[in-house]
Amino acid sequence: MHDAMELEIRSIPTVVICTNPFLNSAGVHARTYGRSGFKPVGIPHPLGGITAEAVKDRAESLIEGIVEALTERE
């Protein structure tokens, strides 16, 4: 999150992808950096212990959310 916030401060659109249990923490970090409109993208938890194919499927399901997070800025 720290690196993403540093890029955002420099006007470089950034996306953070984290598992859903960490979305709240990502939001707190963004607000701490004054980026209340920052939208982290959640992926189902866990990632560990699942097949590479399952990870690929989850990643593909995020494409729309990633584009939205990068283009719908406050």
N, C-alpha and C. Protein backbone atom coordinates (compact mmCIF):
# COMPACT_ATOMS: atom_id res chain seq x y z
N MET A 1 0.82 -1.19 0.00
CA MET A 1 0.00 0.00 0.00
C MET A 1 0.86 1.25 0.00
N HIS A 2 1.95 1.22 0.76
CA HIS A 2 2.79 2.41 0.83
C HIS A 2 3.29 2.80 -0.56
N ASP A 3 3.81 1.85 -1.31
CA ASP A 3 4.30 2.14 -2.66
C ASP A 3 3.18 2.66 -3.56
N ALA A 4 2.02 2.04 -3.47
CA ALA A 4 0.89 2.49 -4.29
C ALA A 4 0.50 3.92 -3.95
N MET A 5 0.49 4.25 -2.68
CA MET A 5 0.13 5.61 -2.28
C MET A 5 1.18 6.62 -2.76
N GLU A 6 2.44 6.24 -2.72
CA GLU A 6 3.49 7.13 -3.23
C GLU A 6 3.30 7.38 -4.72
N LEU A 7 2.95 6.35 -5.47
CA LEU A 7 2.69 6.52 -6.90
C LEU A 7 1.46 7.39 -7.13
N GLU A 8 0.41 7.14 -6.38
CA GLU A 8 -0.82 7.94 -6.50
C GLU A 8 -0.54 9.41 -6.22
N ILE A 9 0.24 9.69 -5.20
CA ILE A 9 0.58 11.08 -4.86
C ILE A 9 1.29 11.74 -6.04
N ARG A 10 2.04 10.95 -6.81
CA ARG A 10 2.75 11.46 -8.00
C ARG A 10 1.87 11.45 -9.25
N SER A 11 0.56 11.25 -9.05
CA SER A 11 -0.43 11.23 -10.15
C SER A 11 -0.23 10.07 -11.11
N ILE A 12 0.27 8.96 -10.59
CA ILE A 12 0.40 7.74 -11.38
C ILE A 12 -0.71 6.79 -10.91
N PRO A 13 -1.74 6.61 -11.74
CA PRO A 13 -2.85 5.74 -11.33
C PRO A 13 -2.34 4.34 -10.98
N THR A 14 -2.82 3.84 -9.86
CA THR A 14 -2.33 2.58 -9.31
C THR A 14 -3.49 1.74 -8.81
N VAL A 15 -3.33 0.44 -8.89
CA VAL A 15 -4.33 -0.48 -8.34
C VAL A 15 -3.62 -1.39 -7.34
N VAL A 16 -4.26 -1.59 -6.22
CA VAL A 16 -3.80 -2.58 -5.25
C VAL A 16 -4.81 -3.71 -5.27
N ILE A 17 -4.31 -4.91 -5.43
CA ILE A 17 -5.16 -6.10 -5.39
C ILE A 17 -4.82 -6.83 -4.10
N CYS A 18 -5.84 -7.06 -3.30
CA CYS A 18 -5.62 -7.79 -2.04
C CYS A 18 -6.80 -8.71 -1.79
N THR A 19 -6.57 -9.72 -0.98
CA THR A 19 -7.68 -10.61 -0.67
C THR A 19 -8.70 -9.84 0.18
N ASN A 20 -9.94 -10.23 0.04
CA ASN A 20 -11.05 -9.49 0.65
C ASN A 20 -10.88 -9.16 2.13
N PRO A 21 -10.32 -10.04 2.96
CA PRO A 21 -10.16 -9.67 4.37
C PRO A 21 -9.27 -8.44 4.59
N PHE A 22 -8.47 -8.08 3.60
CA PHE A 22 -7.55 -6.96 3.77
C PHE A 22 -8.05 -5.67 3.11
N LEU A 23 -9.25 -5.69 2.55
CA LEU A 23 -9.78 -4.48 1.91
C LEU A 23 -9.94 -3.33 2.91
N ASN A 24 -10.42 -3.64 4.10
CA ASN A 24 -10.60 -2.58 5.10
C ASN A 24 -9.26 -1.93 5.43
N SER A 25 -8.24 -2.74 5.64
CA SER A 25 -6.91 -2.23 5.94
C SER A 25 -6.39 -1.36 4.80
N ALA A 26 -6.61 -1.80 3.57
CA ALA A 26 -6.17 -1.01 2.41
C ALA A 26 -6.88 0.34 2.38
N GLY A 27 -8.17 0.35 2.70
CA GLY A 27 -8.91 1.61 2.75
C GLY A 27 -8.40 2.55 3.82
N VAL A 28 -8.06 2.01 4.97
CA VAL A 28 -7.50 2.82 6.06
C VAL A 28 -6.18 3.44 5.62
N HIS A 29 -5.32 2.64 5.00
CA HIS A 29 -4.05 3.16 4.52
C HIS A 29 -4.26 4.28 3.50
N ALA A 30 -5.18 4.07 2.57
CA ALA A 30 -5.45 5.09 1.56
C ALA A 30 -5.91 6.39 2.20
N ARG A 31 -6.84 6.31 3.15
CA ARG A 31 -7.32 7.51 3.83
C ARG A 31 -6.20 8.19 4.61
N THR A 32 -5.32 7.40 5.22
CA THR A 32 -4.19 7.96 5.96
C THR A 32 -3.32 8.81 5.04
N TYR A 33 -3.21 8.39 3.79
CA TYR A 33 -2.41 9.12 2.80
C TYR A 33 -3.22 10.19 2.07
N GLY A 34 -4.44 10.43 2.53
CA GLY A 34 -5.27 11.46 1.92
C GLY A 34 -5.87 11.05 0.59
N ARG A 35 -5.97 9.76 0.34
CA ARG A 35 -6.49 9.24 -0.92
C ARG A 35 -7.81 8.52 -0.68
N SER A 36 -8.78 9.23 -0.15
CA SER A 36 -10.05 8.59 0.22
C SER A 36 -10.78 7.99 -0.96
N GLY A 37 -10.52 8.46 -2.18
CA GLY A 37 -11.17 7.92 -3.37
C GLY A 37 -10.48 6.71 -3.95
N PHE A 38 -9.37 6.30 -3.35
CA PHE A 38 -8.62 5.15 -3.85
C PHE A 38 -9.45 3.89 -3.67
N LYS A 39 -9.50 3.05 -4.71
CA LYS A 39 -10.32 1.84 -4.66
C LYS A 39 -9.45 0.60 -4.80
N PRO A 40 -9.09 -0.05 -3.71
CA PRO A 40 -8.41 -1.33 -3.84
C PRO A 40 -9.37 -2.36 -4.43
N VAL A 41 -8.84 -3.35 -5.09
CA VAL A 41 -9.65 -4.39 -5.71
C VAL A 41 -9.49 -5.67 -4.90
N GLY A 42 -10.62 -6.24 -4.51
CA GLY A 42 -10.60 -7.45 -3.70
C GLY A 42 -10.68 -8.72 -4.52
N ILE A 43 -9.99 -9.72 -4.03
CA ILE A 43 -10.01 -11.05 -4.63
C ILE A 43 -10.34 -12.03 -3.50
N PRO A 44 -11.09 -13.09 -3.80
CA PRO A 44 -11.45 -14.03 -2.74
C PRO A 44 -10.22 -14.61 -2.03
N HIS A 45 -10.38 -14.79 -0.75
CA HIS A 45 -9.35 -15.36 0.11
C HIS A 45 -9.65 -16.85 0.27
N PRO A 46 -8.69 -17.69 0.33
CA PRO A 46 -7.25 -17.46 0.28
C PRO A 46 -6.72 -17.65 -1.14
N LEU A 47 -5.50 -17.24 -1.34
CA LEU A 47 -4.79 -17.55 -2.59
C LEU A 47 -3.85 -18.72 -2.39
N GLY A 48 -3.32 -18.85 -1.19
CA GLY A 48 -2.43 -19.97 -0.90
C GLY A 48 -3.19 -21.28 -0.92
N GLY A 49 -2.55 -22.29 -1.46
CA GLY A 49 -3.15 -23.62 -1.44
C GLY A 49 -4.15 -23.89 -2.55
N ILE A 50 -4.31 -22.96 -3.49
CA ILE A 50 -5.20 -23.23 -4.61
C ILE A 50 -4.35 -23.43 -5.87
N THR A 51 -4.94 -24.01 -6.87
CA THR A 51 -4.19 -24.32 -8.08
C THR A 51 -3.87 -23.06 -8.87
N ALA A 52 -2.88 -23.16 -9.72
CA ALA A 52 -2.52 -22.04 -10.59
C ALA A 52 -3.71 -21.67 -11.48
N GLU A 53 -4.45 -22.65 -11.91
CA GLU A 53 -5.62 -22.39 -12.75
C GLU A 53 -6.68 -21.60 -11.98
N ALA A 54 -6.88 -21.91 -10.72
CA ALA A 54 -7.84 -21.18 -9.89
C ALA A 54 -7.37 -19.74 -9.69
N VAL A 55 -6.08 -19.53 -9.49
CA VAL A 55 -5.55 -18.17 -9.36
C VAL A 55 -5.79 -17.41 -10.65
N LYS A 56 -5.52 -18.05 -11.80
CA LYS A 56 -5.74 -17.42 -13.11
C LYS A 56 -7.21 -17.03 -13.26
N ASP A 57 -8.11 -17.92 -12.91
CA ASP A 57 -9.54 -17.62 -13.02
C ASP A 57 -9.93 -16.43 -12.14
N ARG A 58 -9.40 -16.39 -10.93
CA ARG A 58 -9.71 -15.27 -10.04
C ARG A 58 -9.15 -13.97 -10.61
N ALA A 59 -7.94 -14.03 -11.13
CA ALA A 59 -7.33 -12.83 -11.71
C ALA A 59 -8.15 -12.33 -12.90
N GLU A 60 -8.57 -13.23 -13.75
CA GLU A 60 -9.37 -12.82 -14.91
C GLU A 60 -10.69 -12.17 -14.48
N SER A 61 -11.24 -12.60 -13.36
CA SER A 61 -12.50 -12.03 -12.89
C SER A 61 -12.33 -10.60 -12.37
N LEU A 62 -11.09 -10.16 -12.18
CA LEU A 62 -10.82 -8.83 -11.65
C LEU A 62 -10.66 -7.75 -12.71
N ILE A 63 -10.57 -8.14 -13.96
CA ILE A 63 -10.24 -7.18 -15.02
C ILE A 63 -11.16 -5.97 -14.99
N GLU A 64 -12.45 -6.18 -14.94
CA GLU A 64 -13.40 -5.06 -14.94
C GLU A 64 -13.19 -4.16 -13.72
N GLY A 65 -12.97 -4.74 -12.56
CA GLY A 65 -12.74 -3.94 -11.35
C GLY A 65 -11.46 -3.15 -11.42
N ILE A 66 -10.43 -3.72 -12.04
CA ILE A 66 -9.16 -3.00 -12.20
C ILE A 66 -9.34 -1.81 -13.11
N VAL A 67 -10.01 -2.01 -14.24
CA VAL A 67 -10.25 -0.89 -15.17
C VAL A 67 -11.07 0.18 -14.48
N GLU A 68 -12.09 -0.21 -13.74
CA GLU A 68 -12.92 0.75 -13.03
C GLU A 68 -12.11 1.53 -12.01
N ALA A 69 -11.26 0.83 -11.25
CA ALA A 69 -10.45 1.51 -10.23
C ALA A 69 -9.48 2.52 -10.86
N LEU A 70 -9.01 2.21 -12.05
CA LEU A 70 -8.06 3.12 -12.72
C LEU A 70 -8.73 4.28 -13.44
N THR A 71 -9.98 4.11 -13.82
CA THR A 71 -10.61 5.15 -14.66
C THR A 71 -11.69 5.94 -13.96
N GLU A 72 -12.26 5.43 -12.91
CA GLU A 72 -13.32 6.16 -12.19
C GLU A 72 -12.74 6.77 -10.93
N ARG A 73 -12.06 7.89 -11.12
CA ARG A 73 -11.37 8.55 -10.01
C ARG A 73 -12.22 9.67 -9.44
N GLU A 74 -12.10 9.86 -8.12
CA GLU A 74 -12.78 10.98 -7.46
C GLU A 74 -11.90 12.19 -7.48
